[in-house]
PDB file of all heavy atoms in Angstrom:
ATOM      1  N   PRO A   1      32.972   0.280 -10.261  1.00  0.00           N
ATOM      2  CA  PRO A   1      31.865  -0.004 -11.180  1.00  0.00           C
ATOM      3  C   PRO A   1      31.920  -1.439 -11.714  1.00  0.00           C
ATOM      4  O   PRO A   1      32.982  -1.984 -11.960  1.00  0.00           O
ATOM      5  CB  PRO A   1      32.071   0.988 -12.317  1.00  0.00           C
ATOM      6  CG  PRO A   1      33.016   2.012 -11.806  1.00  0.00           C
ATOM      7  CD  PRO A   1      33.818   1.359 -10.723  1.00  0.00           C
ATOM      8  N   LEU A   2      30.759  -2.006 -11.881  1.00  0.00           N
ATOM      9  CA  LEU A   2      30.669  -3.365 -12.382  1.00  0.00           C
ATOM     10  C   LEU A   2      30.077  -3.421 -13.776  1.00  0.00           C
ATOM     11  O   LEU A   2      29.811  -4.493 -14.288  1.00  0.00           O
ATOM     12  CB  LEU A   2      29.819  -4.219 -11.429  1.00  0.00           C
ATOM     13  CG  LEU A   2      30.340  -4.318  -9.999  1.00  0.00           C
ATOM     14  CD1 LEU A   2      29.368  -5.103  -9.139  1.00  0.00           C
ATOM     15  CD2 LEU A   2      31.707  -4.970  -9.970  1.00  0.00           C
ATOM     16  N   GLY A   3      29.838  -2.272 -14.391  1.00  0.00           N
ATOM     17  CA  GLY A   3      29.244  -2.247 -15.726  1.00  0.00           C
ATOM     18  C   GLY A   3      27.755  -1.945 -15.676  1.00  0.00           C
ATOM     19  O   GLY A   3      27.163  -1.771 -14.622  1.00  0.00           O
ATOM     20  N   GLU A   4      27.156  -1.891 -16.848  1.00  0.00           N
ATOM     21  CA  GLU A   4      25.734  -1.606 -16.963  1.00  0.00           C
ATOM     22  C   GLU A   4      24.919  -2.855 -16.634  1.00  0.00           C
ATOM     23  O   GLU A   4      25.353  -3.973 -16.910  1.00  0.00           O
ATOM     24  CB  GLU A   4      25.411  -1.148 -18.393  1.00  0.00           C
ATOM     25  CG  GLU A   4      26.038   0.184 -18.770  1.00  0.00           C
ATOM     26  CD  GLU A   4      25.495   1.325 -17.933  1.00  0.00           C
ATOM     27  OE1 GLU A   4      24.276   1.380 -17.701  1.00  0.00           O
ATOM     28  OE2 GLU A   4      26.310   2.149 -17.484  1.00  0.00           O
ATOM     29  N   PRO A   5      23.716  -2.668 -16.076  1.00  0.00           N
ATOM     30  CA  PRO A   5      22.858  -3.829 -15.803  1.00  0.00           C
ATOM     31  C   PRO A   5      22.502  -4.555 -17.104  1.00  0.00           C
ATOM     32  O   PRO A   5      22.331  -3.931 -18.148  1.00  0.00           O
ATOM     33  CB  PRO A   5      21.590  -3.223 -15.183  1.00  0.00           C
ATOM     34  CG  PRO A   5      21.959  -1.840 -14.786  1.00  0.00           C
ATOM     35  CD  PRO A   5      23.117  -1.419 -15.635  1.00  0.00           C
ATOM     36  N   VAL A   6      22.384  -5.837 -17.016  1.00  0.00           N
ATOM     37  CA  VAL A   6      21.997  -6.643 -18.170  1.00  0.00           C
ATOM     38  C   VAL A   6      20.492  -6.552 -18.379  1.00  0.00           C
ATOM     39  O   VAL A   6      20.005  -6.531 -19.509  1.00  0.00           O
ATOM     40  CB  VAL A   6      22.423  -8.116 -17.965  1.00  0.00           C
ATOM     41  CG1 VAL A   6      21.930  -8.990 -19.096  1.00  0.00           C
ATOM     42  CG2 VAL A   6      23.932  -8.199 -17.850  1.00  0.00           C
ATOM     43  N   ALA A   7      19.736  -6.470 -17.289  1.00  0.00           N
ATOM     44  CA  ALA A   7      18.274  -6.393 -17.364  1.00  0.00           C
ATOM     45  C   ALA A   7      17.765  -5.644 -16.146  1.00  0.00           C
ATOM     46  O   ALA A   7      18.423  -5.600 -15.103  1.00  0.00           O
ATOM     47  CB  ALA A   7      17.663  -7.783 -17.433  1.00  0.00           C
ATOM     48  N   ALA A   8      16.597  -5.050 -16.262  1.00  0.00           N
ATOM     49  CA  ALA A   8      15.953  -4.358 -15.147  1.00  0.00           C
ATOM     50  C   ALA A   8      14.448  -4.510 -15.301  1.00  0.00           C
ATOM     51  O   ALA A   8      13.939  -4.650 -16.417  1.00  0.00           O
ATOM     52  CB  ALA A   8      16.347  -2.886 -15.126  1.00  0.00           C
ATOM     53  N   ARG A   9      13.755  -4.478 -14.182  1.00  0.00           N
ATOM     54  CA  ARG A   9      12.294  -4.592 -14.216  1.00  0.00           C
ATOM     55  C   ARG A   9      11.710  -3.720 -13.113  1.00  0.00           C
ATOM     56  O   ARG A   9      12.214  -3.701 -12.002  1.00  0.00           O
ATOM     57  CB  ARG A   9      11.874  -6.036 -13.987  1.00  0.00           C
ATOM     58  CG  ARG A   9      10.365  -6.204 -13.985  1.00  0.00           C
ATOM     59  CD  ARG A   9       9.951  -7.605 -13.624  1.00  0.00           C
ATOM     60  NE  ARG A   9      10.517  -8.532 -14.588  1.00  0.00           N
ATOM     61  CZ  ARG A   9      10.273  -9.825 -14.595  1.00  0.00           C
ATOM     62  NH1 ARG A   9       9.481 -10.345 -13.686  1.00  0.00           N
ATOM     63  NH2 ARG A   9      10.824 -10.607 -15.493  1.00  0.00           N
ATOM     64  N   VAL A  10      10.655  -2.994 -13.436  1.00  0.00           N
ATOM     65  CA  VAL A  10       9.904  -2.225 -12.452  1.00  0.00           C
ATOM     66  C   VAL A  10       8.543  -2.887 -12.332  1.00  0.00           C
ATOM     67  O   VAL A  10       7.851  -3.085 -13.330  1.00  0.00           O
ATOM     68  CB  VAL A  10       9.743  -0.747 -12.879  1.00  0.00           C
ATOM     69  CG1 VAL A  10       8.849  -0.009 -11.912  1.00  0.00           C
ATOM     70  CG2 VAL A  10      11.098  -0.080 -13.002  1.00  0.00           C
ATOM     71  N   THR A  11       8.183  -3.227 -11.117  1.00  0.00           N
ATOM     72  CA  THR A  11       6.885  -3.870 -10.886  1.00  0.00           C
ATOM     73  C   THR A  11       6.035  -2.955 -10.033  1.00  0.00           C
ATOM     74  O   THR A  11       6.474  -2.489  -8.990  1.00  0.00           O
ATOM     75  CB  THR A  11       7.075  -5.228 -10.170  1.00  0.00           C
ATOM     76  OG1 THR A  11       7.927  -6.042 -10.962  1.00  0.00           O
ATOM     77  CG2 THR A  11       5.745  -5.924  -9.961  1.00  0.00           C
ATOM     78  N   ARG A  12       4.838  -2.701 -10.466  1.00  0.00           N
ATOM     79  CA  ARG A  12       3.884  -1.896  -9.703  1.00  0.00           C
ATOM     80  C   ARG A  12       2.750  -2.814  -9.271  1.00  0.00           C
ATOM     81  O   ARG A  12       2.135  -3.480 -10.094  1.00  0.00           O
ATOM     82  CB  ARG A  12       3.346  -0.762 -10.544  1.00  0.00           C
ATOM     83  CG  ARG A  12       4.455   0.130 -11.074  1.00  0.00           C
ATOM     84  CD  ARG A  12       4.198   1.545 -10.714  1.00  0.00           C
ATOM     85  NE  ARG A  12       5.173   2.397 -11.344  1.00  0.00           N
ATOM     86  CZ  ARG A  12       5.927   3.233 -10.666  1.00  0.00           C
ATOM     87  NH1 ARG A  12       5.799   3.302  -9.371  1.00  0.00           N
ATOM     88  NH2 ARG A  12       6.782   3.993 -11.270  1.00  0.00           N
ATOM     89  N   TRP A  13       2.486  -2.831  -7.984  1.00  0.00           N
ATOM     90  CA  TRP A  13       1.425  -3.665  -7.449  1.00  0.00           C
ATOM     91  C   TRP A  13       0.147  -2.841  -7.413  1.00  0.00           C
ATOM     92  O   TRP A  13       0.075  -1.817  -6.736  1.00  0.00           O
ATOM     93  CB  TRP A  13       1.802  -4.164  -6.061  1.00  0.00           C
ATOM     94  CG  TRP A  13       3.026  -5.011  -6.098  1.00  0.00           C
ATOM     95  CD1 TRP A  13       4.317  -4.601  -5.881  1.00  0.00           C
ATOM     96  CD2 TRP A  13       3.099  -6.393  -6.424  1.00  0.00           C
ATOM     97  NE1 TRP A  13       5.185  -5.642  -6.038  1.00  0.00           N
ATOM     98  CE2 TRP A  13       4.455  -6.770  -6.369  1.00  0.00           C
ATOM     99  CE3 TRP A  13       2.152  -7.358  -6.760  1.00  0.00           C
ATOM    100  CZ2 TRP A  13       4.880  -8.061  -6.630  1.00  0.00           C
ATOM    101  CZ3 TRP A  13       2.590  -8.650  -7.013  1.00  0.00           C
ATOM    102  CH2 TRP A  13       3.927  -8.982  -6.942  1.00  0.00           C
ATOM    103  N   ASP A  14      -0.862  -3.270  -8.148  1.00  0.00           N
ATOM    104  CA  ASP A  14      -2.110  -2.513  -8.250  1.00  0.00           C
ATOM    105  C   ASP A  14      -2.731  -2.179  -6.899  1.00  0.00           C
ATOM    106  O   ASP A  14      -3.289  -1.120  -6.714  1.00  0.00           O
ATOM    107  CB  ASP A  14      -3.130  -3.281  -9.096  1.00  0.00           C
ATOM    108  CG  ASP A  14      -2.711  -3.381 -10.554  1.00  0.00           C
ATOM    109  OD1 ASP A  14      -1.906  -2.538 -10.992  1.00  0.00           O
ATOM    110  OD2 ASP A  14      -3.186  -4.301 -11.234  1.00  0.00           O
ATOM    111  N   ARG A  15      -2.650  -3.080  -5.981  1.00  0.00           N
ATOM    112  CA  ARG A  15      -3.274  -2.848  -4.674  1.00  0.00           C
ATOM    113  C   ARG A  15      -2.236  -2.615  -3.572  1.00  0.00           C
ATOM    114  O   ARG A  15      -2.536  -2.713  -2.392  1.00  0.00           O
ATOM    115  CB  ARG A  15      -4.187  -4.014  -4.321  1.00  0.00           C
ATOM    116  CG  ARG A  15      -5.319  -4.165  -5.310  1.00  0.00           C
ATOM    117  CD  ARG A  15      -6.280  -5.252  -4.881  1.00  0.00           C
ATOM    118  NE  ARG A  15      -7.198  -5.574  -5.937  1.00  0.00           N
ATOM    119  CZ  ARG A  15      -8.356  -4.968  -6.135  1.00  0.00           C
ATOM    120  NH1 ARG A  15      -8.729  -3.988  -5.346  1.00  0.00           N
ATOM    121  NH2 ARG A  15      -9.144  -5.331  -7.125  1.00  0.00           N
ATOM    122  N   GLY A  16      -1.030  -2.283  -3.967  1.00  0.00           N
ATOM    123  CA  GLY A  16       0.040  -2.003  -3.013  1.00  0.00           C
ATOM    124  C   GLY A  16       0.023  -0.541  -2.611  1.00  0.00           C
ATOM    125  O   GLY A  16      -0.950   0.182  -2.815  1.00  0.00           O
ATOM    126  N   LEU A  17       1.115  -0.091  -2.052  1.00  0.00           N
ATOM    127  CA  LEU A  17       1.219   1.315  -1.674  1.00  0.00           C
ATOM    128  C   LEU A  17       1.202   2.194  -2.922  1.00  0.00           C
ATOM    129  O   LEU A  17       1.778   1.828  -3.940  1.00  0.00           O
ATOM    130  CB  LEU A  17       2.514   1.559  -0.894  1.00  0.00           C
ATOM    131  CG  LEU A  17       2.581   0.889   0.479  1.00  0.00           C
ATOM    132  CD1 LEU A  17       3.962   1.096   1.079  1.00  0.00           C
ATOM    133  CD2 LEU A  17       1.529   1.420   1.412  1.00  0.00           C
ATOM    134  N   PRO A  18       0.554   3.349  -2.844  1.00  0.00           N
ATOM    135  CA  PRO A  18       0.509   4.237  -4.002  1.00  0.00           C
ATOM    136  C   PRO A  18       1.905   4.695  -4.421  1.00  0.00           C
ATOM    137  O   PRO A  18       2.800   4.786  -3.593  1.00  0.00           O
ATOM    138  CB  PRO A  18      -0.310   5.429  -3.522  1.00  0.00           C
ATOM    139  CG  PRO A  18      -0.911   5.038  -2.231  1.00  0.00           C
ATOM    140  CD  PRO A  18      -0.140   3.880  -1.691  1.00  0.00           C
ATOM    141  N   GLN A  19       2.059   4.989  -5.686  1.00  0.00           N
ATOM    142  CA  GLN A  19       3.314   5.495  -6.226  1.00  0.00           C
ATOM    143  C   GLN A  19       3.107   6.957  -6.618  1.00  0.00           C
ATOM    144  O   GLN A  19       2.142   7.283  -7.299  1.00  0.00           O
ATOM    145  CB  GLN A  19       3.723   4.690  -7.465  1.00  0.00           C
ATOM    146  CG  GLN A  19       3.869   3.210  -7.211  1.00  0.00           C
ATOM    147  CD  GLN A  19       5.068   2.902  -6.342  1.00  0.00           C
ATOM    148  OE1 GLN A  19       6.139   3.451  -6.524  1.00  0.00           O
ATOM    149  NE2 GLN A  19       4.883   2.017  -5.383  1.00  0.00           N
ATOM    150  N   TYR A  20       4.002   7.817  -6.187  1.00  0.00           N
ATOM    151  CA  TYR A  20       3.905   9.220  -6.582  1.00  0.00           C
ATOM    152  C   TYR A  20       4.255   9.358  -8.053  1.00  0.00           C
ATOM    153  O   TYR A  20       5.118   8.660  -8.572  1.00  0.00           O
ATOM    154  CB  TYR A  20       4.857  10.078  -5.751  1.00  0.00           C
ATOM    155  CG  TYR A  20       4.524  10.115  -4.279  1.00  0.00           C
ATOM    156  CD1 TYR A  20       5.509   9.937  -3.335  1.00  0.00           C
ATOM    157  CD2 TYR A  20       3.229  10.342  -3.840  1.00  0.00           C
ATOM    158  CE1 TYR A  20       5.225   9.983  -1.985  1.00  0.00           C
ATOM    159  CE2 TYR A  20       2.930  10.391  -2.496  1.00  0.00           C
ATOM    160  CZ  TYR A  20       3.926  10.208  -1.575  1.00  0.00           C
ATOM    161  OH  TYR A  20       3.644  10.256  -0.241  1.00  0.00           O
ATOM    162  N   GLU A  21       3.608  10.306  -8.710  1.00  0.00           N
ATOM    163  CA  GLU A  21       3.884  10.570 -10.119  1.00  0.00           C
ATOM    164  C   GLU A  21       5.145  11.412 -10.255  1.00  0.00           C
ATOM    165  O   GLU A  21       5.579  12.069  -9.306  1.00  0.00           O
ATOM    166  CB  GLU A  21       2.702  11.309 -10.756  1.00  0.00           C
ATOM    167  CG  GLU A  21       1.440  10.470 -10.817  1.00  0.00           C
ATOM    168  CD  GLU A  21       0.289  11.212 -11.473  1.00  0.00           C
ATOM    169  OE1 GLU A  21       0.489  12.349 -11.945  1.00  0.00           O
ATOM    170  OE2 GLU A  21      -0.804  10.641 -11.496  1.00  0.00           O
ATOM    171  N   VAL A  22       5.710  11.424 -11.441  1.00  0.00           N
ATOM    172  CA  VAL A  22       6.870  12.256 -11.732  1.00  0.00           C
ATOM    173  C   VAL A  22       6.490  13.707 -11.457  1.00  0.00           C
ATOM    174  O   VAL A  22       5.411  14.165 -11.836  1.00  0.00           O
ATOM    175  CB  VAL A  22       7.312  12.077 -13.204  1.00  0.00           C
ATOM    176  CG1 VAL A  22       8.415  13.063 -13.553  1.00  0.00           C
ATOM    177  CG2 VAL A  22       7.755  10.640 -13.448  1.00  0.00           C
ATOM    178  N   GLY A  23       7.358  14.426 -10.792  1.00  0.00           N
ATOM    179  CA  GLY A  23       7.104  15.828 -10.462  1.00  0.00           C
ATOM    180  C   GLY A  23       6.450  16.022  -9.104  1.00  0.00           C
ATOM    181  O   GLY A  23       6.178  17.154  -8.701  1.00  0.00           O
ATOM    182  N   HIS A  24       6.213  14.937  -8.384  1.00  0.00           N
ATOM    183  CA  HIS A  24       5.517  15.023  -7.098  1.00  0.00           C
ATOM    184  C   HIS A  24       6.252  15.930  -6.106  1.00  0.00           C
ATOM    185  O   HIS A  24       5.642  16.768  -5.458  1.00  0.00           O
ATOM    186  CB  HIS A  24       5.344  13.626  -6.499  1.00  0.00           C
ATOM    187  CG  HIS A  24       4.778  13.642  -5.117  1.00  0.00           C
ATOM    188  ND1 HIS A  24       3.436  13.845  -4.876  1.00  0.00           N
ATOM    189  CD2 HIS A  24       5.368  13.501  -3.905  1.00  0.00           C
ATOM    190  CE1 HIS A  24       3.219  13.833  -3.576  1.00  0.00           C
ATOM    191  NE2 HIS A  24       4.377  13.614  -2.961  1.00  0.00           N
ATOM    192  N   HIS A  25       7.560  15.768  -5.996  1.00  0.00           N
ATOM    193  CA  HIS A  25       8.312  16.549  -5.006  1.00  0.00           C
ATOM    194  C   HIS A  25       8.250  18.041  -5.295  1.00  0.00           C
ATOM    195  O   HIS A  25       8.123  18.845  -4.368  1.00  0.00           O
ATOM    196  CB  HIS A  25       9.759  16.061  -4.914  1.00  0.00           C
ATOM    197  CG  HIS A  25       9.862  14.676  -4.362  1.00  0.00           C
ATOM    198  ND1 HIS A  25       9.591  14.363  -3.052  1.00  0.00           N
ATOM    199  CD2 HIS A  25      10.170  13.506  -4.951  1.00  0.00           C
ATOM    200  CE1 HIS A  25       9.735  13.079  -2.855  1.00  0.00           C
ATOM    201  NE2 HIS A  25      10.091  12.521  -4.003  1.00  0.00           N
ATOM    202  N   ASP A  26       8.309  18.428  -6.556  1.00  0.00           N
ATOM    203  CA  ASP A  26       8.182  19.850  -6.908  1.00  0.00           C
ATOM    204  C   ASP A  26       6.785  20.360  -6.581  1.00  0.00           C
ATOM    205  O   ASP A  26       6.613  21.477  -6.090  1.00  0.00           O
ATOM    206  CB  ASP A  26       8.480  20.077  -8.392  1.00  0.00           C
ATOM    207  CG  ASP A  26       9.952  19.913  -8.715  1.00  0.00           C
ATOM    208  OD1 ASP A  26      10.787  20.141  -7.802  1.00  0.00           O
ATOM    209  OD2 ASP A  26      10.273  19.565  -9.864  1.00  0.00           O
ATOM    210  N   ARG A  27       5.771  19.551  -6.857  1.00  0.00           N
ATOM    211  CA  ARG A  27       4.383  19.931  -6.565  1.00  0.00           C
ATOM    212  C   ARG A  27       4.198  20.129  -5.063  1.00  0.00           C
ATOM    213  O   ARG A  27       3.607  21.122  -4.617  1.00  0.00           O
ATOM    214  CB  ARG A  27       3.444  18.836  -7.073  1.00  0.00           C
ATOM    215  CG  ARG A  27       2.005  19.213  -7.107  1.00  0.00           C
ATOM    216  CD  ARG A  27       1.145  18.134  -7.779  1.00  0.00           C
ATOM    217  NE  ARG A  27       1.675  17.730  -9.082  1.00  0.00           N
ATOM    218  CZ  ARG A  27       2.201  16.530  -9.353  1.00  0.00           C
ATOM    219  NH1 ARG A  27       2.257  15.597  -8.434  1.00  0.00           N
ATOM    220  NH2 ARG A  27       2.659  16.244 -10.549  1.00  0.00           N
ATOM    221  N   VAL A  28       4.740  19.210  -4.263  1.00  0.00           N
ATOM    222  CA  VAL A  28       4.626  19.317  -2.809  1.00  0.00           C
ATOM    223  C   VAL A  28       5.364  20.554  -2.315  1.00  0.00           C
ATOM    224  O   VAL A  28       4.880  21.267  -1.428  1.00  0.00           O
ATOM    225  CB  VAL A  28       5.151  18.038  -2.116  1.00  0.00           C
ATOM    226  CG1 VAL A  28       5.300  18.241  -0.614  1.00  0.00           C
ATOM    227  CG2 VAL A  28       4.221  16.875  -2.403  1.00  0.00           C
ATOM    228  N   ARG A  29       6.514  20.832  -2.884  1.00  0.00           N
ATOM    229  CA  ARG A  29       7.264  22.038  -2.493  1.00  0.00           C
ATOM    230  C   ARG A  29       6.431  23.290  -2.726  1.00  0.00           C
ATOM    231  O   ARG A  29       6.344  24.160  -1.858  1.00  0.00           O
ATOM    232  CB  ARG A  29       8.579  22.123  -3.279  1.00  0.00           C
ATOM    233  CG  ARG A  29       9.423  23.344  -2.934  1.00  0.00           C
ATOM    234  CD  ARG A  29      10.663  23.450  -3.821  1.00  0.00           C
ATOM    235  NE  ARG A  29      10.394  23.275  -5.237  1.00  0.00           N
ATOM    236  CZ  ARG A  29       9.832  24.213  -6.030  1.00  0.00           C
ATOM    237  NH1 ARG A  29       9.456  25.360  -5.520  1.00  0.00           N
ATOM    238  NH2 ARG A  29       9.636  23.977  -7.314  1.00  0.00           N
ATOM    239  N   ARG A  30       5.771  23.366  -3.876  1.00  0.00           N
ATOM    240  CA  ARG A  30       4.928  24.538  -4.183  1.00  0.00           C
ATOM    241  C   ARG A  30       3.735  24.626  -3.230  1.00  0.00           C
ATOM    242  O   ARG A  30       3.371  25.715  -2.769  1.00  0.00           O
ATOM    243  CB  ARG A  30       4.463  24.490  -5.627  1.00  0.00           C
ATOM    244  CG  ARG A  30       5.573  24.706  -6.639  1.00  0.00           C
ATOM    245  CD  ARG A  30       5.047  24.935  -8.051  1.00  0.00           C
ATOM    246  NE  ARG A  30       4.132  23.902  -8.507  1.00  0.00           N
ATOM    247  CZ  ARG A  30       4.486  22.781  -9.144  1.00  0.00           C
ATOM    248  NH1 ARG A  30       5.761  22.530  -9.375  1.00  0.00           N
ATOM    249  NH2 ARG A  30       3.575  21.911  -9.530  1.00  0.00           N
ATOM    250  N   ILE A  31       3.139  23.494  -2.915  1.00  0.00           N
ATOM    251  CA  ILE A  31       2.003  23.479  -1.985  1.00  0.00           C
ATOM    252  C   ILE A  31       2.451  23.947  -0.613  1.00  0.00           C
ATOM    253  O   ILE A  31       1.786  24.765   0.034  1.00  0.00           O
ATOM    254  CB  ILE A  31       1.383  22.068  -1.913  1.00  0.00           C
ATOM    255  CG1 ILE A  31       0.698  21.731  -3.236  1.00  0.00           C
ATOM    256  CG2 ILE A  31       0.415  21.950  -0.747  1.00  0.00           C
ATOM    257  CD1 ILE A  31       0.315  20.275  -3.391  1.00  0.00           C
ATOM    258  N   ARG A  32       3.589  23.437  -0.167  1.00  0.00           N
ATOM    259  CA  ARG A  32       4.088  23.827   1.156  1.00  0.00           C
ATOM    260  C   ARG A  32       4.456  25.316   1.201  1.00  0.00           C
ATOM    261  O   ARG A  32       4.226  25.977   2.214  1.00  0.00           O
ATOM    262  CB  ARG A  32       5.276  22.969   1.559  1.00  0.00           C
ATOM    263  CG  ARG A  32       4.860  21.543   1.914  1.00  0.00           C
ATOM    264  CD  ARG A  32       5.941  20.842   2.705  1.00  0.00           C
ATOM    265  NE  ARG A  32       5.554  19.496   3.056  1.00  0.00           N
ATOM    266  CZ  ARG A  32       4.761  19.169   4.073  1.00  0.00           C
ATOM    267  NH1 ARG A  32       4.263  20.120   4.825  1.00  0.00           N
ATOM    268  NH2 ARG A  32       4.470  17.909   4.327  1.00  0.00           N
ATOM    269  N   GLU A  33       5.007  25.837   0.124  1.00  0.00           N
ATOM    270  CA  GLU A  33       5.316  27.276   0.069  1.00  0.00           C
ATOM    271  C   GLU A  33       4.042  28.099   0.194  1.00  0.00           C
ATOM    272  O   GLU A  33       4.002  29.090   0.920  1.00  0.00           O
ATOM    273  CB  GLU A  33       6.042  27.613  -1.230  1.00  0.00           C
ATOM    274  CG  GLU A  33       7.492  27.184  -1.246  1.00  0.00           C
ATOM    275  CD  GLU A  33       8.162  27.432  -2.589  1.00  0.00           C
ATOM    276  OE1 GLU A  33       7.516  27.989  -3.514  1.00  0.00           O
ATOM    277  OE2 GLU A  33       9.341  27.054  -2.726  1.00  0.00           O
TER     278      GLU A  33
END
């Protein structure tokens, strides 16, 4: 381990690839079932 990060940033590109919302994998699992 090197310790905790000093800084972090999440960048979302408005016209980039879509981002799944939180809970997406559970929703897909239910749909597939």
